[in-house]
Amino acid sequence: MLEYGFQILPKLSFDRELFHKELRKIIAYLTPDEIKKLERWLRKYYYNEYIKSNLFV
């Protein structure tokens, strides 16, 4: 599911609401270690979307 997230989130980055919706779905299926990897990836590529989402707080 993590690889799916890496593939799909860039395609949805044009729409913040859709991006967040898909991000919530992806997080629901990940292990704690995978969530940390996703969080690092989001910080690197989608810092603004990540900060505004508050999904990891």
PDB file of N, CA and C in Angstrom:
ATOM      1  N   MET A   1       0.824  -1.196   0.000  1.00  0.00           N
ATOM      2  CA  MET A   1       0.000   0.000   0.000  1.00  0.00           C
ATOM      3  C   MET A   1       0.868   1.261   0.000  1.00  0.00           C
ATOM      4  N   LEU A   2       2.039   1.170   0.596  1.00  0.00           N
ATOM      5  CA  LEU A   2       2.944   2.316   0.614  1.00  0.00           C
ATOM      6  C   LEU A   2       3.367   2.694  -0.805  1.00  0.00           C
ATOM      7  N   GLU A   3       3.723   1.710  -1.604  1.00  0.00           N
ATOM      8  CA  GLU A   3       4.114   1.973  -2.991  1.00  0.00           C
ATOM      9  C   GLU A   3       2.947   2.572  -3.775  1.00  0.00           C
ATOM     10  N   TYR A   4       1.760   2.100  -3.500  1.00  0.00           N
ATOM     11  CA  TYR A   4       0.567   2.670  -4.129  1.00  0.00           C
ATOM     12  C   TYR A   4       0.475   4.158  -3.792  1.00  0.00           C
ATOM     13  N   GLY A   5       0.706   4.487  -2.530  1.00  0.00           N
ATOM     14  CA  GLY A   5       0.673   5.888  -2.114  1.00  0.00           C
ATOM     15  C   GLY A   5       1.702   6.724  -2.850  1.00  0.00           C
ATOM     16  N   PHE A   6       2.903   6.179  -3.006  1.00  0.00           N
ATOM     17  CA  PHE A   6       3.961   6.893  -3.718  1.00  0.00           C
ATOM     18  C   PHE A   6       3.572   7.132  -5.178  1.00  0.00           C
ATOM     19  N   GLN A   7       2.777   6.246  -5.738  1.00  0.00           N
ATOM     20  CA  GLN A   7       2.368   6.377  -7.135  1.00  0.00           C
ATOM     21  C   GLN A   7       1.151   7.283  -7.310  1.00  0.00           C
ATOM     22  N   ILE A   8       0.169   7.158  -6.422  1.00  0.00           N
ATOM     23  CA  ILE A   8      -1.100   7.856  -6.624  1.00  0.00           C
ATOM     24  C   ILE A   8      -1.087   9.298  -6.111  1.00  0.00           C
ATOM     25  N   LEU A   9      -0.407   9.560  -5.013  1.00  0.00           N
ATOM     26  CA  LEU A   9      -0.454  10.907  -4.439  1.00  0.00           C
ATOM     27  C   LEU A   9       0.077  11.987  -5.381  1.00  0.00           C
ATOM     28  N   PRO A  10       1.149  11.757  -6.112  1.00  0.00           N
ATOM     29  CA  PRO A  10       1.573  12.799  -7.065  1.00  0.00           C
ATOM     30  C   PRO A  10       0.515  13.107  -8.123  1.00  0.00           C
ATOM     31  N   LYS A  11      -0.265  12.116  -8.492  1.00  0.00           N
ATOM     32  CA  LYS A  11      -1.308  12.321  -9.496  1.00  0.00           C
ATOM     33  C   LYS A  11      -2.487  13.117  -8.943  1.00  0.00           C
ATOM     34  N   LEU A  12      -2.620  13.148  -7.621  1.00  0.00           N
ATOM     35  CA  LEU A  12      -3.734  13.843  -6.985  1.00  0.00           C
ATOM     36  C   LEU A  12      -3.325  15.183  -6.376  1.00  0.00           C
ATOM     37  N   SER A  13      -2.093  15.558  -6.536  1.00  0.00           N
ATOM     38  CA  SER A  13      -1.588  16.752  -5.867  1.00  0.00           C
ATOM     39  C   SER A  13      -2.222  18.044  -6.392  1.00  0.00           C
ATOM     40  N   PHE A  14      -2.899  17.989  -7.522  1.00  0.00           N
ATOM     41  CA  PHE A  14      -3.557  19.177  -8.076  1.00  0.00           C
ATOM     42  C   PHE A  14      -4.793  19.574  -7.271  1.00  0.00           C
ATOM     43  N   ASP A  15      -5.346  18.633  -6.489  1.00  0.00           N
ATOM     44  CA  ASP A  15      -6.574  18.869  -5.726  1.00  0.00           C
ATOM     45  C   ASP A  15      -6.322  18.520  -4.260  1.00  0.00           C
ATOM     46  N   ARG A  16      -6.204  19.541  -3.430  1.00  0.00           N
ATOM     47  CA  ARG A  16      -5.848  19.327  -2.019  1.00  0.00           C
ATOM     48  C   ARG A  16      -6.846  18.410  -1.306  1.00  0.00           C
ATOM     49  N   GLU A  17      -8.135  18.601  -1.539  1.00  0.00           N
ATOM     50  CA  GLU A  17      -9.152  17.793  -0.861  1.00  0.00           C
ATOM     51  C   GLU A  17      -9.039  16.316  -1.256  1.00  0.00           C
ATOM     52  N   LEU A  18      -8.886  16.064  -2.526  1.00  0.00           N
ATOM     53  CA  LEU A  18      -8.736  14.693  -3.017  1.00  0.00           C
ATOM     54  C   LEU A  18      -7.431  14.077  -2.495  1.00  0.00           C
ATOM     55  N   PHE A  19      -6.360  14.864  -2.482  1.00  0.00           N
ATOM     56  CA  PHE A  19      -5.069  14.427  -1.963  1.00  0.00           C
ATOM     57  C   PHE A  19      -5.217  13.980  -0.509  1.00  0.00           C
ATOM     58  N   HIS A  20      -5.875  14.794   0.319  1.00  0.00           N
ATOM     59  CA  HIS A  20      -6.053  14.464   1.735  1.00  0.00           C
ATOM     60  C   HIS A  20      -6.947  13.248   1.928  1.00  0.00           C
ATOM     61  N   LYS A  21      -7.982  13.147   1.118  1.00  0.00           N
ATOM     62  CA  LYS A  21      -8.889  12.000   1.223  1.00  0.00           C
ATOM     63  C   LYS A  21      -8.138  10.698   0.943  1.00  0.00           C
ATOM     64  N   GLU A  22      -7.366  10.696  -0.119  1.00  0.00           N
ATOM     65  CA  GLU A  22      -6.606   9.489  -0.472  1.00  0.00           C
ATOM     66  C   GLU A  22      -5.511   9.223   0.566  1.00  0.00           C
ATOM     67  N   LEU A  23      -4.914  10.268   1.070  1.00  0.00           N
ATOM     68  CA  LEU A  23      -3.873  10.113   2.087  1.00  0.00           C
ATOM     69  C   LEU A  23      -4.445   9.455   3.343  1.00  0.00           C
ATOM     70  N   ARG A  24      -5.627   9.856   3.763  1.00  0.00           N
ATOM     71  CA  ARG A  24      -6.267   9.229   4.930  1.00  0.00           C
ATOM     72  C   ARG A  24      -6.518   7.738   4.690  1.00  0.00           C
ATOM     73  N   LYS A  25      -6.970   7.396   3.494  1.00  0.00           N
ATOM     74  CA  LYS A  25      -7.221   5.993   3.168  1.00  0.00           C
ATOM     75  C   LYS A  25      -5.925   5.189   3.212  1.00  0.00           C
ATOM     76  N   ILE A  26      -4.868   5.749   2.652  1.00  0.00           N
ATOM     77  CA  ILE A  26      -3.581   5.056   2.613  1.00  0.00           C
ATOM     78  C   ILE A  26      -3.057   4.828   4.024  1.00  0.00           C
ATOM     79  N   ILE A  27      -3.111   5.849   4.854  1.00  0.00           N
ATOM     80  CA  ILE A  27      -2.606   5.746   6.225  1.00  0.00           C
ATOM     81  C   ILE A  27      -3.321   4.643   6.992  1.00  0.00           C
ATOM     82  N   ALA A  28      -4.604   4.460   6.736  1.00  0.00           N
ATOM     83  CA  ALA A  28      -5.390   3.442   7.445  1.00  0.00           C
ATOM     84  C   ALA A  28      -4.852   2.026   7.219  1.00  0.00           C
ATOM     85  N   TYR A  29      -4.149   1.793   6.120  1.00  0.00           N
ATOM     86  CA  TYR A  29      -3.660   0.462   5.779  1.00  0.00           C
ATOM     87  C   TYR A  29      -2.188   0.242   6.098  1.00  0.00           C
ATOM     88  N   LEU A  30      -1.500   1.257   6.581  1.00  0.00           N
ATOM     89  CA  LEU A  30      -0.064   1.154   6.766  1.00  0.00           C
ATOM     90  C   LEU A  30       0.321   0.740   8.175  1.00  0.00           C
ATOM     91  N   THR A  31       1.479   0.114   8.278  1.00  0.00           N
ATOM     92  CA  THR A  31       2.068  -0.199   9.580  1.00  0.00           C
ATOM     93  C   THR A  31       2.722   1.068  10.119  1.00  0.00           C
ATOM     94  N   PRO A  32       3.033   1.104  11.408  1.00  0.00           N
ATOM     95  CA  PRO A  32       3.703   2.291  11.961  1.00  0.00           C
ATOM     96  C   PRO A  32       5.014   2.637  11.245  1.00  0.00           C
ATOM     97  N   ASP A  33       5.795   1.638  10.859  1.00  0.00           N
ATOM     98  CA  ASP A  33       7.045   1.901  10.138  1.00  0.00           C
ATOM     99  C   ASP A  33       6.775   2.496   8.761  1.00  0.00           C
ATOM    100  N   GLU A  34       5.759   1.997   8.092  1.00  0.00           N
ATOM    101  CA  GLU A  34       5.410   2.521   6.777  1.00  0.00           C
ATOM    102  C   GLU A  34       4.875   3.949   6.881  1.00  0.00           C
ATOM    103  N   ILE A  35       4.169   4.232   7.953  1.00  0.00           N
ATOM    104  CA  ILE A  35       3.660   5.591   8.157  1.00  0.00           C
ATOM    105  C   ILE A  35       4.822   6.563   8.308  1.00  0.00           C
ATOM    106  N   LYS A  36       5.856   6.163   9.016  1.00  0.00           N
ATOM    107  CA  LYS A  36       7.038   7.020   9.171  1.00  0.00           C
ATOM    108  C   LYS A  36       7.710   7.266   7.817  1.00  0.00           C
ATOM    109  N   LYS A  37       7.799   6.228   6.991  1.00  0.00           N
ATOM    110  CA  LYS A  37       8.374   6.390   5.653  1.00  0.00           C
ATOM    111  C   LYS A  37       7.529   7.333   4.811  1.00  0.00           C
ATOM    112  N   LEU A  38       6.223   7.169   4.876  1.00  0.00           N
ATOM    113  CA  LEU A  38       5.321   8.049   4.133  1.00  0.00           C
ATOM    114  C   LEU A  38       5.455   9.486   4.619  1.00  0.00           C
ATOM    115  N   GLU A  39       5.549   9.663   5.910  1.00  0.00           N
ATOM    116  CA  GLU A  39       5.686  11.001   6.478  1.00  0.00           C
ATOM    117  C   GLU A  39       6.960  11.681   5.969  1.00  0.00           C
ATOM    118  N   ARG A  40       8.074  10.953   5.944  1.00  0.00           N
ATOM    119  CA  ARG A  40       9.325  11.510   5.420  1.00  0.00           C
ATOM    120  C   ARG A  40       9.182  11.870   3.942  1.00  0.00           C
ATOM    121  N   TRP A  41       8.551  11.009   3.180  1.00  0.00           N
ATOM    122  CA  TRP A  41       8.348  11.246   1.753  1.00  0.00           C
ATOM    123  C   TRP A  41       7.478  12.488   1.543  1.00  0.00           C
ATOM    124  N   LEU A  42       6.411  12.612   2.325  1.00  0.00           N
ATOM    125  CA  LEU A  42       5.530  13.773   2.213  1.00  0.00           C
ATOM    126  C   LEU A  42       6.260  15.063   2.553  1.00  0.00           C
ATOM    127  N   ARG A  43       7.076  15.024   3.578  1.00  0.00           N
ATOM    128  CA  ARG A  43       7.842  16.220   3.953  1.00  0.00           C
ATOM    129  C   ARG A  43       8.781  16.630   2.824  1.00  0.00           C
ATOM    130  N   LYS A  44       9.333  15.655   2.147  1.00  0.00           N
ATOM    131  CA  LYS A  44      10.286  15.944   1.075  1.00  0.00           C
ATOM    132  C   LYS A  44       9.593  16.522  -0.170  1.00  0.00           C
ATOM    133  N   TYR A  45       8.481  15.931  -0.573  1.00  0.00           N
ATOM    134  CA  TYR A  45       7.843  16.298  -1.835  1.00  0.00           C
ATOM    135  C   TYR A  45       6.591  17.163  -1.715  1.00  0.00           C
ATOM    136  N   TYR A  46       5.896  17.086  -0.595  1.00  0.00           N
ATOM    137  CA  TYR A  46       4.609  17.770  -0.460  1.00  0.00           C
ATOM    138  C   TYR A  46       4.511  18.467   0.889  1.00  0.00           C
ATOM    139  N   TYR A  47       5.503  19.253   1.205  1.00  0.00           N
ATOM    140  CA  TYR A  47       5.572  19.889   2.519  1.00  0.00           C
ATOM    141  C   TYR A  47       4.317  20.704   2.828  1.00  0.00           C
ATOM    142  N   ASN A  48       3.854  21.539   1.910  1.00  0.00           N
ATOM    143  CA  ASN A  48       2.679  22.372   2.172  1.00  0.00           C
ATOM    144  C   ASN A  48       1.431  21.531   2.405  1.00  0.00           C
ATOM    145  N   GLU A  49       1.211  20.537   1.579  1.00  0.00           N
ATOM    146  CA  GLU A  49       0.046  19.671   1.737  1.00  0.00           C
ATOM    147  C   GLU A  49       0.135  18.884   3.039  1.00  0.00           C
ATOM    148  N   TYR A  50       1.333  18.451   3.368  1.00  0.00           N
ATOM    149  CA  TYR A  50       1.535  17.667   4.583  1.00  0.00           C
ATOM    150  C   TYR A  50       1.232  18.509   5.819  1.00  0.00           C
ATOM    151  N   ILE A  51       1.771  19.706   5.884  1.00  0.00           N
ATOM    152  CA  ILE A  51       1.575  20.569   7.036  1.00  0.00           C
ATOM    153  C   ILE A  51       0.086  20.920   7.196  1.00  0.00           C
ATOM    154  N   LYS A  52      -0.577  21.206   6.108  1.00  0.00           N
ATOM    155  CA  LYS A  52      -1.979  21.604   6.166  1.00  0.00           C
ATOM    156  C   LYS A  52      -2.913  20.439   6.485  1.00  0.00           C
ATOM    157  N   SER A  53      -2.471  19.225   6.265  1.00  0.00           N
ATOM    158  CA  SER A  53      -3.352  18.070   6.456  1.00  0.00           C
ATOM    159  C   SER A  53      -3.543  17.713   7.916  1.00  0.00           C
ATOM    160  N   ASN A  54      -2.528  17.908   8.742  1.00  0.00           N
ATOM    161  CA  ASN A  54      -2.581  17.547  10.170  1.00  0.00           C
ATOM    162  C   ASN A  54      -2.921  16.083  10.392  1.00  0.00           C
ATOM    163  N   LEU A  55      -2.625  15.233   9.452  1.00  0.00           N
ATOM    164  CA  LEU A  55      -2.962  13.827   9.583  1.00  0.00           C
ATOM    165  C   LEU A  55      -1.999  13.055  10.478  1.00  0.00           C
ATOM    166  N   PHE A  56      -0.832  13.617  10.717  1.00  0.00           N
ATOM    167  CA  PHE A  56       0.151  12.912  11.518  1.00  0.00           C
ATOM    168  C   PHE A  56       0.311  13.502  12.914  1.00  0.00           C
ATOM    169  N   VAL A  57      -0.525  14.474  13.253  1.00  0.00           N
ATOM    170  CA  VAL A  57      -0.417  15.134  14.563  1.00  0.00           C
ATOM    171  C   VAL A  57      -1.161  14.337  15.592  1.00  0.00           C
TER     172      VAL A  57
END
